[in-house]
Amino acid sequence: LGASASTVTFSGDVIIDYKYEGGRF
């Protein structure tokens, strides 16, 4: 996910790693 600091500026990336648990990710 790109982290938006303004309509034209991105500050960095958020990375999400998923796991399968309880029938869902």
PDBML (XML) file of the C-alpha atoms, coordinates in Angstrom:
<?xml version="1.0" encoding="UTF-8" ?>
<PDBx:datablock datablockName="MODEL"
   xmlns:PDBx="http://pdbml.pdb.org/schema/pdbx-v50.xsd"
   xmlns:xsi="http://www.w3.org/2001/XMLSchema-instance"
   xsi:schemaLocation="http://pdbml.pdb.org/schema/pdbx-v50.xsd pdbx-v50.xsd">
   <PDBx:atom_siteCategory>
      <PDBx:atom_site id="1">
         <PDBx:B_iso_or_equiv>0.00</PDBx:B_iso_or_equiv>
         <PDBx:Cartn_x>0.000</PDBx:Cartn_x>
         <PDBx:Cartn_y>0.000</PDBx:Cartn_y>
         <PDBx:Cartn_z>0.000</PDBx:Cartn_z>
         <PDBx:auth_asym_id>A</PDBx:auth_asym_id>
         <PDBx:auth_atom_id>CA</PDBx:auth_atom_id>
         <PDBx:auth_comp_id>LEU</PDBx:auth_comp_id>
         <PDBx:auth_seq_id>1</PDBx:auth_seq_id>
         <PDBx:group_PDB>ATOM</PDBx:group_PDB>
         <PDBx:label_alt_id xsi:nil="true" />
         <PDBx:label_asym_id>A</PDBx:label_asym_id>
         <PDBx:label_atom_id>CA</PDBx:label_atom_id>
         <PDBx:label_comp_id>LEU</PDBx:label_comp_id>
         <PDBx:label_entity_id>1</PDBx:label_entity_id>
         <PDBx:label_seq_id>1</PDBx:label_seq_id>
         <PDBx:occupancy>1.00</PDBx:occupancy>
         <PDBx:pdbx_PDB_model_num>1</PDBx:pdbx_PDB_model_num>
         <PDBx:type_symbol>C</PDBx:type_symbol>
      </PDBx:atom_site>
      <PDBx:atom_site id="2">
         <PDBx:B_iso_or_equiv>0.00</PDBx:B_iso_or_equiv>
         <PDBx:Cartn_x>1.303</PDBx:Cartn_x>
         <PDBx:Cartn_y>3.414</PDBx:Cartn_y>
         <PDBx:Cartn_z>-0.920</PDBx:Cartn_z>
         <PDBx:auth_asym_id>A</PDBx:auth_asym_id>
         <PDBx:auth_atom_id>CA</PDBx:auth_atom_id>
         <PDBx:auth_comp_id>GLY</PDBx:auth_comp_id>
         <PDBx:auth_seq_id>2</PDBx:auth_seq_id>
         <PDBx:group_PDB>ATOM</PDBx:group_PDB>
         <PDBx:label_alt_id xsi:nil="true" />
         <PDBx:label_asym_id>A</PDBx:label_asym_id>
         <PDBx:label_atom_id>CA</PDBx:label_atom_id>
         <PDBx:label_comp_id>GLY</PDBx:label_comp_id>
         <PDBx:label_entity_id>1</PDBx:label_entity_id>
         <PDBx:label_seq_id>2</PDBx:label_seq_id>
         <PDBx:occupancy>1.00</PDBx:occupancy>
         <PDBx:pdbx_PDB_model_num>1</PDBx:pdbx_PDB_model_num>
         <PDBx:type_symbol>C</PDBx:type_symbol>
      </PDBx:atom_site>
      <PDBx:atom_site id="3">
         <PDBx:B_iso_or_equiv>0.00</PDBx:B_iso_or_equiv>
         <PDBx:Cartn_x>1.092</PDBx:Cartn_x>
         <PDBx:Cartn_y>5.827</PDBx:Cartn_y>
         <PDBx:Cartn_z>1.991</PDBx:Cartn_z>
         <PDBx:auth_asym_id>A</PDBx:auth_asym_id>
         <PDBx:auth_atom_id>CA</PDBx:auth_atom_id>
         <PDBx:auth_comp_id>ALA</PDBx:auth_comp_id>
         <PDBx:auth_seq_id>3</PDBx:auth_seq_id>
         <PDBx:group_PDB>ATOM</PDBx:group_PDB>
         <PDBx:label_alt_id xsi:nil="true" />
         <PDBx:label_asym_id>A</PDBx:label_asym_id>
         <PDBx:label_atom_id>CA</PDBx:label_atom_id>
         <PDBx:label_comp_id>ALA</PDBx:label_comp_id>
         <PDBx:label_entity_id>1</PDBx:label_entity_id>
         <PDBx:label_seq_id>3</PDBx:label_seq_id>
         <PDBx:occupancy>1.00</PDBx:occupancy>
         <PDBx:pdbx_PDB_model_num>1</PDBx:pdbx_PDB_model_num>
         <PDBx:type_symbol>C</PDBx:type_symbol>
      </PDBx:atom_site>
      <PDBx:atom_site id="4">
         <PDBx:B_iso_or_equiv>0.00</PDBx:B_iso_or_equiv>
         <PDBx:Cartn_x>-0.267</PDBx:Cartn_x>
         <PDBx:Cartn_y>9.187</PDBx:Cartn_y>
         <PDBx:Cartn_z>0.757</PDBx:Cartn_z>
         <PDBx:auth_asym_id>A</PDBx:auth_asym_id>
         <PDBx:auth_atom_id>CA</PDBx:auth_atom_id>
         <PDBx:auth_comp_id>SER</PDBx:auth_comp_id>
         <PDBx:auth_seq_id>4</PDBx:auth_seq_id>
         <PDBx:group_PDB>ATOM</PDBx:group_PDB>
         <PDBx:label_alt_id xsi:nil="true" />
         <PDBx:label_asym_id>A</PDBx:label_asym_id>
         <PDBx:label_atom_id>CA</PDBx:label_atom_id>
         <PDBx:label_comp_id>SER</PDBx:label_comp_id>
         <PDBx:label_entity_id>1</PDBx:label_entity_id>
         <PDBx:label_seq_id>4</PDBx:label_seq_id>
         <PDBx:occupancy>1.00</PDBx:occupancy>
         <PDBx:pdbx_PDB_model_num>1</PDBx:pdbx_PDB_model_num>
         <PDBx:type_symbol>C</PDBx:type_symbol>
      </PDBx:atom_site>
      <PDBx:atom_site id="5">
         <PDBx:B_iso_or_equiv>0.00</PDBx:B_iso_or_equiv>
         <PDBx:Cartn_x>0.930</PDBx:Cartn_x>
         <PDBx:Cartn_y>12.304</PDBx:Cartn_y>
         <PDBx:Cartn_z>2.511</PDBx:Cartn_z>
         <PDBx:auth_asym_id>A</PDBx:auth_asym_id>
         <PDBx:auth_atom_id>CA</PDBx:auth_atom_id>
         <PDBx:auth_comp_id>ALA</PDBx:auth_comp_id>
         <PDBx:auth_seq_id>5</PDBx:auth_seq_id>
         <PDBx:group_PDB>ATOM</PDBx:group_PDB>
         <PDBx:label_alt_id xsi:nil="true" />
         <PDBx:label_asym_id>A</PDBx:label_asym_id>
         <PDBx:label_atom_id>CA</PDBx:label_atom_id>
         <PDBx:label_comp_id>ALA</PDBx:label_comp_id>
         <PDBx:label_entity_id>1</PDBx:label_entity_id>
         <PDBx:label_seq_id>5</PDBx:label_seq_id>
         <PDBx:occupancy>1.00</PDBx:occupancy>
         <PDBx:pdbx_PDB_model_num>1</PDBx:pdbx_PDB_model_num>
         <PDBx:type_symbol>C</PDBx:type_symbol>
      </PDBx:atom_site>
      <PDBx:atom_site id="6">
         <PDBx:B_iso_or_equiv>0.00</PDBx:B_iso_or_equiv>
         <PDBx:Cartn_x>-0.859</PDBx:Cartn_x>
         <PDBx:Cartn_y>14.582</PDBx:Cartn_y>
         <PDBx:Cartn_z>0.000</PDBx:Cartn_z>
         <PDBx:auth_asym_id>A</PDBx:auth_asym_id>
         <PDBx:auth_atom_id>CA</PDBx:auth_atom_id>
         <PDBx:auth_comp_id>SER</PDBx:auth_comp_id>
         <PDBx:auth_seq_id>6</PDBx:auth_seq_id>
         <PDBx:group_PDB>ATOM</PDBx:group_PDB>
         <PDBx:label_alt_id xsi:nil="true" />
         <PDBx:label_asym_id>A</PDBx:label_asym_id>
         <PDBx:label_atom_id>CA</PDBx:label_atom_id>
         <PDBx:label_comp_id>SER</PDBx:label_comp_id>
         <PDBx:label_entity_id>1</PDBx:label_entity_id>
         <PDBx:label_seq_id>6</PDBx:label_seq_id>
         <PDBx:occupancy>1.00</PDBx:occupancy>
         <PDBx:pdbx_PDB_model_num>1</PDBx:pdbx_PDB_model_num>
         <PDBx:type_symbol>C</PDBx:type_symbol>
      </PDBx:atom_site>
      <PDBx:atom_site id="7">
         <PDBx:B_iso_or_equiv>0.00</PDBx:B_iso_or_equiv>
         <PDBx:Cartn_x>-2.623</PDBx:Cartn_x>
         <PDBx:Cartn_y>14.272</PDBx:Cartn_y>
         <PDBx:Cartn_z>-3.367</PDBx:Cartn_z>
         <PDBx:auth_asym_id>A</PDBx:auth_asym_id>
         <PDBx:auth_atom_id>CA</PDBx:auth_atom_id>
         <PDBx:auth_comp_id>THR</PDBx:auth_comp_id>
         <PDBx:auth_seq_id>7</PDBx:auth_seq_id>
         <PDBx:group_PDB>ATOM</PDBx:group_PDB>
         <PDBx:label_alt_id xsi:nil="true" />
         <PDBx:label_asym_id>A</PDBx:label_asym_id>
         <PDBx:label_atom_id>CA</PDBx:label_atom_id>
         <PDBx:label_comp_id>THR</PDBx:label_comp_id>
         <PDBx:label_entity_id>1</PDBx:label_entity_id>
         <PDBx:label_seq_id>7</PDBx:label_seq_id>
         <PDBx:occupancy>1.00</PDBx:occupancy>
         <PDBx:pdbx_PDB_model_num>1</PDBx:pdbx_PDB_model_num>
         <PDBx:type_symbol>C</PDBx:type_symbol>
      </PDBx:atom_site>
      <PDBx:atom_site id="8">
         <PDBx:B_iso_or_equiv>0.00</PDBx:B_iso_or_equiv>
         <PDBx:Cartn_x>0.796</PDBx:Cartn_x>
         <PDBx:Cartn_y>14.196</PDBx:Cartn_y>
         <PDBx:Cartn_z>-5.094</PDBx:Cartn_z>
         <PDBx:auth_asym_id>A</PDBx:auth_asym_id>
         <PDBx:auth_atom_id>CA</PDBx:auth_atom_id>
         <PDBx:auth_comp_id>VAL</PDBx:auth_comp_id>
         <PDBx:auth_seq_id>8</PDBx:auth_seq_id>
         <PDBx:group_PDB>ATOM</PDBx:group_PDB>
         <PDBx:label_alt_id xsi:nil="true" />
         <PDBx:label_asym_id>A</PDBx:label_asym_id>
         <PDBx:label_atom_id>CA</PDBx:label_atom_id>
         <PDBx:label_comp_id>VAL</PDBx:label_comp_id>
         <PDBx:label_entity_id>1</PDBx:label_entity_id>
         <PDBx:label_seq_id>8</PDBx:label_seq_id>
         <PDBx:occupancy>1.00</PDBx:occupancy>
         <PDBx:pdbx_PDB_model_num>1</PDBx:pdbx_PDB_model_num>
         <PDBx:type_symbol>C</PDBx:type_symbol>
      </PDBx:atom_site>
      <PDBx:atom_site id="9">
         <PDBx:B_iso_or_equiv>0.00</PDBx:B_iso_or_equiv>
         <PDBx:Cartn_x>3.142</PDBx:Cartn_x>
         <PDBx:Cartn_y>12.939</PDBx:Cartn_y>
         <PDBx:Cartn_z>-2.401</PDBx:Cartn_z>
         <PDBx:auth_asym_id>A</PDBx:auth_asym_id>
         <PDBx:auth_atom_id>CA</PDBx:auth_atom_id>
         <PDBx:auth_comp_id>THR</PDBx:auth_comp_id>
         <PDBx:auth_seq_id>9</PDBx:auth_seq_id>
         <PDBx:group_PDB>ATOM</PDBx:group_PDB>
         <PDBx:label_alt_id xsi:nil="true" />
         <PDBx:label_asym_id>A</PDBx:label_asym_id>
         <PDBx:label_atom_id>CA</PDBx:label_atom_id>
         <PDBx:label_comp_id>THR</PDBx:label_comp_id>
         <PDBx:label_entity_id>1</PDBx:label_entity_id>
         <PDBx:label_seq_id>9</PDBx:label_seq_id>
         <PDBx:occupancy>1.00</PDBx:occupancy>
         <PDBx:pdbx_PDB_model_num>1</PDBx:pdbx_PDB_model_num>
         <PDBx:type_symbol>C</PDBx:type_symbol>
      </PDBx:atom_site>
      <PDBx:atom_site id="10">
         <PDBx:B_iso_or_equiv>0.00</PDBx:B_iso_or_equiv>
         <PDBx:Cartn_x>3.754</PDBx:Cartn_x>
         <PDBx:Cartn_y>9.436</PDBx:Cartn_y>
         <PDBx:Cartn_z>-1.073</PDBx:Cartn_z>
         <PDBx:auth_asym_id>A</PDBx:auth_asym_id>
         <PDBx:auth_atom_id>CA</PDBx:auth_atom_id>
         <PDBx:auth_comp_id>PHE</PDBx:auth_comp_id>
         <PDBx:auth_seq_id>10</PDBx:auth_seq_id>
         <PDBx:group_PDB>ATOM</PDBx:group_PDB>
         <PDBx:label_alt_id xsi:nil="true" />
         <PDBx:label_asym_id>A</PDBx:label_asym_id>
         <PDBx:label_atom_id>CA</PDBx:label_atom_id>
         <PDBx:label_comp_id>PHE</PDBx:label_comp_id>
         <PDBx:label_entity_id>1</PDBx:label_entity_id>
         <PDBx:label_seq_id>10</PDBx:label_seq_id>
         <PDBx:occupancy>1.00</PDBx:occupancy>
         <PDBx:pdbx_PDB_model_num>1</PDBx:pdbx_PDB_model_num>
         <PDBx:type_symbol>C</PDBx:type_symbol>
      </PDBx:atom_site>
      <PDBx:atom_site id="11">
         <PDBx:B_iso_or_equiv>0.00</PDBx:B_iso_or_equiv>
         <PDBx:Cartn_x>5.858</PDBx:Cartn_x>
         <PDBx:Cartn_y>8.916</PDBx:Cartn_y>
         <PDBx:Cartn_z>2.006</PDBx:Cartn_z>
         <PDBx:auth_asym_id>A</PDBx:auth_asym_id>
         <PDBx:auth_atom_id>CA</PDBx:auth_atom_id>
         <PDBx:auth_comp_id>SER</PDBx:auth_comp_id>
         <PDBx:auth_seq_id>11</PDBx:auth_seq_id>
         <PDBx:group_PDB>ATOM</PDBx:group_PDB>
         <PDBx:label_alt_id xsi:nil="true" />
         <PDBx:label_asym_id>A</PDBx:label_asym_id>
         <PDBx:label_atom_id>CA</PDBx:label_atom_id>
         <PDBx:label_comp_id>SER</PDBx:label_comp_id>
         <PDBx:label_entity_id>1</PDBx:label_entity_id>
         <PDBx:label_seq_id>11</PDBx:label_seq_id>
         <PDBx:occupancy>1.00</PDBx:occupancy>
         <PDBx:pdbx_PDB_model_num>1</PDBx:pdbx_PDB_model_num>
         <PDBx:type_symbol>C</PDBx:type_symbol>
      </PDBx:atom_site>
      <PDBx:atom_site id="12">
         <PDBx:B_iso_or_equiv>0.00</PDBx:B_iso_or_equiv>
         <PDBx:Cartn_x>6.500</PDBx:Cartn_x>
         <PDBx:Cartn_y>5.169</PDBx:Cartn_y>
         <PDBx:Cartn_z>1.800</PDBx:Cartn_z>
         <PDBx:auth_asym_id>A</PDBx:auth_asym_id>
         <PDBx:auth_atom_id>CA</PDBx:auth_atom_id>
         <PDBx:auth_comp_id>GLY</PDBx:auth_comp_id>
         <PDBx:auth_seq_id>12</PDBx:auth_seq_id>
         <PDBx:group_PDB>ATOM</PDBx:group_PDB>
         <PDBx:label_alt_id xsi:nil="true" />
         <PDBx:label_asym_id>A</PDBx:label_asym_id>
         <PDBx:label_atom_id>CA</PDBx:label_atom_id>
         <PDBx:label_comp_id>GLY</PDBx:label_comp_id>
         <PDBx:label_entity_id>1</PDBx:label_entity_id>
         <PDBx:label_seq_id>12</PDBx:label_seq_id>
         <PDBx:occupancy>1.00</PDBx:occupancy>
         <PDBx:pdbx_PDB_model_num>1</PDBx:pdbx_PDB_model_num>
         <PDBx:type_symbol>C</PDBx:type_symbol>
      </PDBx:atom_site>
      <PDBx:atom_site id="13">
         <PDBx:B_iso_or_equiv>0.00</PDBx:B_iso_or_equiv>
         <PDBx:Cartn_x>4.971</PDBx:Cartn_x>
         <PDBx:Cartn_y>1.701</PDBx:Cartn_y>
         <PDBx:Cartn_z>1.547</PDBx:Cartn_z>
         <PDBx:auth_asym_id>A</PDBx:auth_asym_id>
         <PDBx:auth_atom_id>CA</PDBx:auth_atom_id>
         <PDBx:auth_comp_id>ASP</PDBx:auth_comp_id>
         <PDBx:auth_seq_id>13</PDBx:auth_seq_id>
         <PDBx:group_PDB>ATOM</PDBx:group_PDB>
         <PDBx:label_alt_id xsi:nil="true" />
         <PDBx:label_asym_id>A</PDBx:label_asym_id>
         <PDBx:label_atom_id>CA</PDBx:label_atom_id>
         <PDBx:label_comp_id>ASP</PDBx:label_comp_id>
         <PDBx:label_entity_id>1</PDBx:label_entity_id>
         <PDBx:label_seq_id>13</PDBx:label_seq_id>
         <PDBx:occupancy>1.00</PDBx:occupancy>
         <PDBx:pdbx_PDB_model_num>1</PDBx:pdbx_PDB_model_num>
         <PDBx:type_symbol>C</PDBx:type_symbol>
      </PDBx:atom_site>
      <PDBx:atom_site id="14">
         <PDBx:B_iso_or_equiv>0.00</PDBx:B_iso_or_equiv>
         <PDBx:Cartn_x>3.088</PDBx:Cartn_x>
         <PDBx:Cartn_y>-0.418</PDBx:Cartn_y>
         <PDBx:Cartn_z>4.007</PDBx:Cartn_z>
         <PDBx:auth_asym_id>A</PDBx:auth_asym_id>
         <PDBx:auth_atom_id>CA</PDBx:auth_atom_id>
         <PDBx:auth_comp_id>VAL</PDBx:auth_comp_id>
         <PDBx:auth_seq_id>14</PDBx:auth_seq_id>
         <PDBx:group_PDB>ATOM</PDBx:group_PDB>
         <PDBx:label_alt_id xsi:nil="true" />
         <PDBx:label_asym_id>A</PDBx:label_asym_id>
         <PDBx:label_atom_id>CA</PDBx:label_atom_id>
         <PDBx:label_comp_id>VAL</PDBx:label_comp_id>
         <PDBx:label_entity_id>1</PDBx:label_entity_id>
         <PDBx:label_seq_id>14</PDBx:label_seq_id>
         <PDBx:occupancy>1.00</PDBx:occupancy>
         <PDBx:pdbx_PDB_model_num>1</PDBx:pdbx_PDB_model_num>
         <PDBx:type_symbol>C</PDBx:type_symbol>
      </PDBx:atom_site>
      <PDBx:atom_site id="15">
         <PDBx:B_iso_or_equiv>0.00</PDBx:B_iso_or_equiv>
         <PDBx:Cartn_x>3.598</PDBx:Cartn_x>
         <PDBx:Cartn_y>-4.154</PDBx:Cartn_y>
         <PDBx:Cartn_z>3.395</PDBx:Cartn_z>
         <PDBx:auth_asym_id>A</PDBx:auth_asym_id>
         <PDBx:auth_atom_id>CA</PDBx:auth_atom_id>
         <PDBx:auth_comp_id>ILE</PDBx:auth_comp_id>
         <PDBx:auth_seq_id>15</PDBx:auth_seq_id>
         <PDBx:group_PDB>ATOM</PDBx:group_PDB>
         <PDBx:label_alt_id xsi:nil="true" />
         <PDBx:label_asym_id>A</PDBx:label_asym_id>
         <PDBx:label_atom_id>CA</PDBx:label_atom_id>
         <PDBx:label_comp_id>ILE</PDBx:label_comp_id>
         <PDBx:label_entity_id>1</PDBx:label_entity_id>
         <PDBx:label_seq_id>15</PDBx:label_seq_id>
         <PDBx:occupancy>1.00</PDBx:occupancy>
         <PDBx:pdbx_PDB_model_num>1</PDBx:pdbx_PDB_model_num>
         <PDBx:type_symbol>C</PDBx:type_symbol>
      </PDBx:atom_site>
      <PDBx:atom_site id="16">
         <PDBx:B_iso_or_equiv>0.00</PDBx:B_iso_or_equiv>
         <PDBx:Cartn_x>1.089</PDBx:Cartn_x>
         <PDBx:Cartn_y>-6.689</PDBx:Cartn_y>
         <PDBx:Cartn_z>4.683</PDBx:Cartn_z>
         <PDBx:auth_asym_id>A</PDBx:auth_asym_id>
         <PDBx:auth_atom_id>CA</PDBx:auth_atom_id>
         <PDBx:auth_comp_id>ILE</PDBx:auth_comp_id>
         <PDBx:auth_seq_id>16</PDBx:auth_seq_id>
         <PDBx:group_PDB>ATOM</PDBx:group_PDB>
         <PDBx:label_alt_id xsi:nil="true" />
         <PDBx:label_asym_id>A</PDBx:label_asym_id>
         <PDBx:label_atom_id>CA</PDBx:label_atom_id>
         <PDBx:label_comp_id>ILE</PDBx:label_comp_id>
         <PDBx:label_entity_id>1</PDBx:label_entity_id>
         <PDBx:label_seq_id>16</PDBx:label_seq_id>
         <PDBx:occupancy>1.00</PDBx:occupancy>
         <PDBx:pdbx_PDB_model_num>1</PDBx:pdbx_PDB_model_num>
         <PDBx:type_symbol>C</PDBx:type_symbol>
      </PDBx:atom_site>
      <PDBx:atom_site id="17">
         <PDBx:B_iso_or_equiv>0.00</PDBx:B_iso_or_equiv>
         <PDBx:Cartn_x>1.934</PDBx:Cartn_x>
         <PDBx:Cartn_y>-10.397</PDBx:Cartn_y>
         <PDBx:Cartn_z>4.740</PDBx:Cartn_z>
         <PDBx:auth_asym_id>A</PDBx:auth_asym_id>
         <PDBx:auth_atom_id>CA</PDBx:auth_atom_id>
         <PDBx:auth_comp_id>ASP</PDBx:auth_comp_id>
         <PDBx:auth_seq_id>17</PDBx:auth_seq_id>
         <PDBx:group_PDB>ATOM</PDBx:group_PDB>
         <PDBx:label_alt_id xsi:nil="true" />
         <PDBx:label_asym_id>A</PDBx:label_asym_id>
         <PDBx:label_atom_id>CA</PDBx:label_atom_id>
         <PDBx:label_comp_id>ASP</PDBx:label_comp_id>
         <PDBx:label_entity_id>1</PDBx:label_entity_id>
         <PDBx:label_seq_id>17</PDBx:label_seq_id>
         <PDBx:occupancy>1.00</PDBx:occupancy>
         <PDBx:pdbx_PDB_model_num>1</PDBx:pdbx_PDB_model_num>
         <PDBx:type_symbol>C</PDBx:type_symbol>
      </PDBx:atom_site>
      <PDBx:atom_site id="18">
         <PDBx:B_iso_or_equiv>0.00</PDBx:B_iso_or_equiv>
         <PDBx:Cartn_x>-1.128</PDBx:Cartn_x>
         <PDBx:Cartn_y>-12.586</PDBx:Cartn_y>
         <PDBx:Cartn_z>5.178</PDBx:Cartn_z>
         <PDBx:auth_asym_id>A</PDBx:auth_asym_id>
         <PDBx:auth_atom_id>CA</PDBx:auth_atom_id>
         <PDBx:auth_comp_id>TYR</PDBx:auth_comp_id>
         <PDBx:auth_seq_id>18</PDBx:auth_seq_id>
         <PDBx:group_PDB>ATOM</PDBx:group_PDB>
         <PDBx:label_alt_id xsi:nil="true" />
         <PDBx:label_asym_id>A</PDBx:label_asym_id>
         <PDBx:label_atom_id>CA</PDBx:label_atom_id>
         <PDBx:label_comp_id>TYR</PDBx:label_comp_id>
         <PDBx:label_entity_id>1</PDBx:label_entity_id>
         <PDBx:label_seq_id>18</PDBx:label_seq_id>
         <PDBx:occupancy>1.00</PDBx:occupancy>
         <PDBx:pdbx_PDB_model_num>1</PDBx:pdbx_PDB_model_num>
         <PDBx:type_symbol>C</PDBx:type_symbol>
      </PDBx:atom_site>
      <PDBx:atom_site id="19">
         <PDBx:B_iso_or_equiv>0.00</PDBx:B_iso_or_equiv>
         <PDBx:Cartn_x>-1.579</PDBx:Cartn_x>
         <PDBx:Cartn_y>-15.920</PDBx:Cartn_y>
         <PDBx:Cartn_z>6.914</PDBx:Cartn_z>
         <PDBx:auth_asym_id>A</PDBx:auth_asym_id>
         <PDBx:auth_atom_id>CA</PDBx:auth_atom_id>
         <PDBx:auth_comp_id>LYS</PDBx:auth_comp_id>
         <PDBx:auth_seq_id>19</PDBx:auth_seq_id>
         <PDBx:group_PDB>ATOM</PDBx:group_PDB>
         <PDBx:label_alt_id xsi:nil="true" />
         <PDBx:label_asym_id>A</PDBx:label_asym_id>
         <PDBx:label_atom_id>CA</PDBx:label_atom_id>
         <PDBx:label_comp_id>LYS</PDBx:label_comp_id>
         <PDBx:label_entity_id>1</PDBx:label_entity_id>
         <PDBx:label_seq_id>19</PDBx:label_seq_id>
         <PDBx:occupancy>1.00</PDBx:occupancy>
         <PDBx:pdbx_PDB_model_num>1</PDBx:pdbx_PDB_model_num>
         <PDBx:type_symbol>C</PDBx:type_symbol>
      </PDBx:atom_site>
      <PDBx:atom_site id="20">
         <PDBx:B_iso_or_equiv>0.00</PDBx:B_iso_or_equiv>
         <PDBx:Cartn_x>-4.401</PDBx:Cartn_x>
         <PDBx:Cartn_y>-18.442</PDBx:Cartn_y>
         <PDBx:Cartn_z>6.666</PDBx:Cartn_z>
         <PDBx:auth_asym_id>A</PDBx:auth_asym_id>
         <PDBx:auth_atom_id>CA</PDBx:auth_atom_id>
         <PDBx:auth_comp_id>TYR</PDBx:auth_comp_id>
         <PDBx:auth_seq_id>20</PDBx:auth_seq_id>
         <PDBx:group_PDB>ATOM</PDBx:group_PDB>
         <PDBx:label_alt_id xsi:nil="true" />
         <PDBx:label_asym_id>A</PDBx:label_asym_id>
         <PDBx:label_atom_id>CA</PDBx:label_atom_id>
         <PDBx:label_comp_id>TYR</PDBx:label_comp_id>
         <PDBx:label_entity_id>1</PDBx:label_entity_id>
         <PDBx:label_seq_id>20</PDBx:label_seq_id>
         <PDBx:occupancy>1.00</PDBx:occupancy>
         <PDBx:pdbx_PDB_model_num>1</PDBx:pdbx_PDB_model_num>
         <PDBx:type_symbol>C</PDBx:type_symbol>
      </PDBx:atom_site>
      <PDBx:atom_site id="21">
         <PDBx:B_iso_or_equiv>0.00</PDBx:B_iso_or_equiv>
         <PDBx:Cartn_x>-6.122</PDBx:Cartn_x>
         <PDBx:Cartn_y>-18.958</PDBx:Cartn_y>
         <PDBx:Cartn_z>9.962</PDBx:Cartn_z>
         <PDBx:auth_asym_id>A</PDBx:auth_asym_id>
         <PDBx:auth_atom_id>CA</PDBx:auth_atom_id>
         <PDBx:auth_comp_id>GLU</PDBx:auth_comp_id>
         <PDBx:auth_seq_id>21</PDBx:auth_seq_id>
         <PDBx:group_PDB>ATOM</PDBx:group_PDB>
         <PDBx:label_alt_id xsi:nil="true" />
         <PDBx:label_asym_id>A</PDBx:label_asym_id>
         <PDBx:label_atom_id>CA</PDBx:label_atom_id>
         <PDBx:label_comp_id>GLU</PDBx:label_comp_id>
         <PDBx:label_entity_id>1</PDBx:label_entity_id>
         <PDBx:label_seq_id>21</PDBx:label_seq_id>
         <PDBx:occupancy>1.00</PDBx:occupancy>
         <PDBx:pdbx_PDB_model_num>1</PDBx:pdbx_PDB_model_num>
         <PDBx:type_symbol>C</PDBx:type_symbol>
      </PDBx:atom_site>
      <PDBx:atom_site id="22">
         <PDBx:B_iso_or_equiv>0.00</PDBx:B_iso_or_equiv>
         <PDBx:Cartn_x>-9.601</PDBx:Cartn_x>
         <PDBx:Cartn_y>-19.919</PDBx:Cartn_y>
         <PDBx:Cartn_z>11.023</PDBx:Cartn_z>
         <PDBx:auth_asym_id>A</PDBx:auth_asym_id>
         <PDBx:auth_atom_id>CA</PDBx:auth_atom_id>
         <PDBx:auth_comp_id>GLY</PDBx:auth_comp_id>
         <PDBx:auth_seq_id>22</PDBx:auth_seq_id>
         <PDBx:group_PDB>ATOM</PDBx:group_PDB>
         <PDBx:label_alt_id xsi:nil="true" />
         <PDBx:label_asym_id>A</PDBx:label_asym_id>
         <PDBx:label_atom_id>CA</PDBx:label_atom_id>
         <PDBx:label_comp_id>GLY</PDBx:label_comp_id>
         <PDBx:label_entity_id>1</PDBx:label_entity_id>
         <PDBx:label_seq_id>22</PDBx:label_seq_id>
         <PDBx:occupancy>1.00</PDBx:occupancy>
         <PDBx:pdbx_PDB_model_num>1</PDBx:pdbx_PDB_model_num>
         <PDBx:type_symbol>C</PDBx:type_symbol>
      </PDBx:atom_site>
      <PDBx:atom_site id="23">
         <PDBx:B_iso_or_equiv>0.00</PDBx:B_iso_or_equiv>
         <PDBx:Cartn_x>-10.904</PDBx:Cartn_x>
         <PDBx:Cartn_y>-20.276</PDBx:Cartn_y>
         <PDBx:Cartn_z>7.465</PDBx:Cartn_z>
         <PDBx:auth_asym_id>A</PDBx:auth_asym_id>
         <PDBx:auth_atom_id>CA</PDBx:auth_atom_id>
         <PDBx:auth_comp_id>GLY</PDBx:auth_comp_id>
         <PDBx:auth_seq_id>23</PDBx:auth_seq_id>
         <PDBx:group_PDB>ATOM</PDBx:group_PDB>
         <PDBx:label_alt_id xsi:nil="true" />
         <PDBx:label_asym_id>A</PDBx:label_asym_id>
         <PDBx:label_atom_id>CA</PDBx:label_atom_id>
         <PDBx:label_comp_id>GLY</PDBx:label_comp_id>
         <PDBx:label_entity_id>1</PDBx:label_entity_id>
         <PDBx:label_seq_id>23</PDBx:label_seq_id>
         <PDBx:occupancy>1.00</PDBx:occupancy>
         <PDBx:pdbx_PDB_model_num>1</PDBx:pdbx_PDB_model_num>
         <PDBx:type_symbol>C</PDBx:type_symbol>
      </PDBx:atom_site>
      <PDBx:atom_site id="24">
         <PDBx:B_iso_or_equiv>0.00</PDBx:B_iso_or_equiv>
         <PDBx:Cartn_x>-9.755</PDBx:Cartn_x>
         <PDBx:Cartn_y>-16.860</PDBx:Cartn_y>
         <PDBx:Cartn_z>6.280</PDBx:Cartn_z>
         <PDBx:auth_asym_id>A</PDBx:auth_asym_id>
         <PDBx:auth_atom_id>CA</PDBx:auth_atom_id>
         <PDBx:auth_comp_id>ARG</PDBx:auth_comp_id>
         <PDBx:auth_seq_id>24</PDBx:auth_seq_id>
         <PDBx:group_PDB>ATOM</PDBx:group_PDB>
         <PDBx:label_alt_id xsi:nil="true" />
         <PDBx:label_asym_id>A</PDBx:label_asym_id>
         <PDBx:label_atom_id>CA</PDBx:label_atom_id>
         <PDBx:label_comp_id>ARG</PDBx:label_comp_id>
         <PDBx:label_entity_id>1</PDBx:label_entity_id>
         <PDBx:label_seq_id>24</PDBx:label_seq_id>
         <PDBx:occupancy>1.00</PDBx:occupancy>
         <PDBx:pdbx_PDB_model_num>1</PDBx:pdbx_PDB_model_num>
         <PDBx:type_symbol>C</PDBx:type_symbol>
      </PDBx:atom_site>
      <PDBx:atom_site id="25">
         <PDBx:B_iso_or_equiv>0.00</PDBx:B_iso_or_equiv>
         <PDBx:Cartn_x>-6.662</PDBx:Cartn_x>
         <PDBx:Cartn_y>-14.842</PDBx:Cartn_y>
         <PDBx:Cartn_z>5.389</PDBx:Cartn_z>
         <PDBx:auth_asym_id>A</PDBx:auth_asym_id>
         <PDBx:auth_atom_id>CA</PDBx:auth_atom_id>
         <PDBx:auth_comp_id>PHE</PDBx:auth_comp_id>
         <PDBx:auth_seq_id>25</PDBx:auth_seq_id>
         <PDBx:group_PDB>ATOM</PDBx:group_PDB>
         <PDBx:label_alt_id xsi:nil="true" />
         <PDBx:label_asym_id>A</PDBx:label_asym_id>
         <PDBx:label_atom_id>CA</PDBx:label_atom_id>
         <PDBx:label_comp_id>PHE</PDBx:label_comp_id>
         <PDBx:label_entity_id>1</PDBx:label_entity_id>
         <PDBx:label_seq_id>25</PDBx:label_seq_id>
         <PDBx:occupancy>1.00</PDBx:occupancy>
         <PDBx:pdbx_PDB_model_num>1</PDBx:pdbx_PDB_model_num>
         <PDBx:type_symbol>C</PDBx:type_symbol>
      </PDBx:atom_site>
   </PDBx:atom_siteCategory>
</PDBx:datablock>
